[in-house]
């Protein structure tokens, strides 16, 4: 055989050997798969990490139990409550901030001092209140004039106009330098003189005084009517009609007790006046008093 034929046979034998041996092809495939396996593992791992990151971004899971529940589909993720330590830390931080915001004790004292100084300055600008002067003490002449005036005024109120007139005249003559007291004494002196003049013009007998009292009562001059009836009783104390007129006048003046006393005296002297008293308008202020009913409607003996 020649060399050419030998070479051809070798090449053909190799080709046949390659085609005919499946073990060799299997070995080659496993070798190529082993060579490419690390690259496939890396790609799968990268895909897993990317999916985990997206899942964490969507549903933040902190505990292992919640992770297992989500994987199994038994529970939904819940927001975990903040631990107590974090709440306490926040509260302490707030208190610290508040303490820092508050001014220290020295600043508070300074602010109060400034306020008091401003108030003192404002009060200093205001005018001070003017205190009233103390009351002036009366002199010896003034005190003596006042005592003399009181004595004369008592006589005037008692109806003793003659004695009152004499005392007022003596006061004006002795204490004319005390202007205020002397002016008041002159006023009462003129009134006393006028009353004495009217007394001199008044009638002297009881019946005339009673008639004058009735006139004053009908005119509405109750004080003058009372004076006339009292004068008449001084001259005739046992006159029942005069007591009755005095009771009517006192009832008009509102002196209920004195009016009942006068009415009782009049009825004791003349019981027939009960009929007149039952319909007398001058005694209307006495009708609500139980003593009036006792006096008017008591049974006859």
Foldseek 3Di string as FASTA:
>chain_A
DDPVVVVVVVVVVVVCVVVVDVVVVVVVVVVVCVVCVVVVVVVVVVVVVVVVVVVCVVAPDDDPVQVVCVVVVNDDDDDDDDDPVVVVVVVVVVVVVVVVPDDDPVVVVVVVVVVVVVVVVVVVPDDDDDDDDDDDDDDPLVVVLVVLLVVLVVCVVVVVLVVSLVSLVVSCVPRVVVPPSNVVSVVSNVVSVVVVVVVVVQDQALVSLQVVLVVCVVVVVLVSSLVSLVNSCVRPVQALVSLQSNLLSVLQVVVQVSSLVSNLSSCVSPVVCLVVVVPDPSNVSNPPPVSNCCSNVPDDD
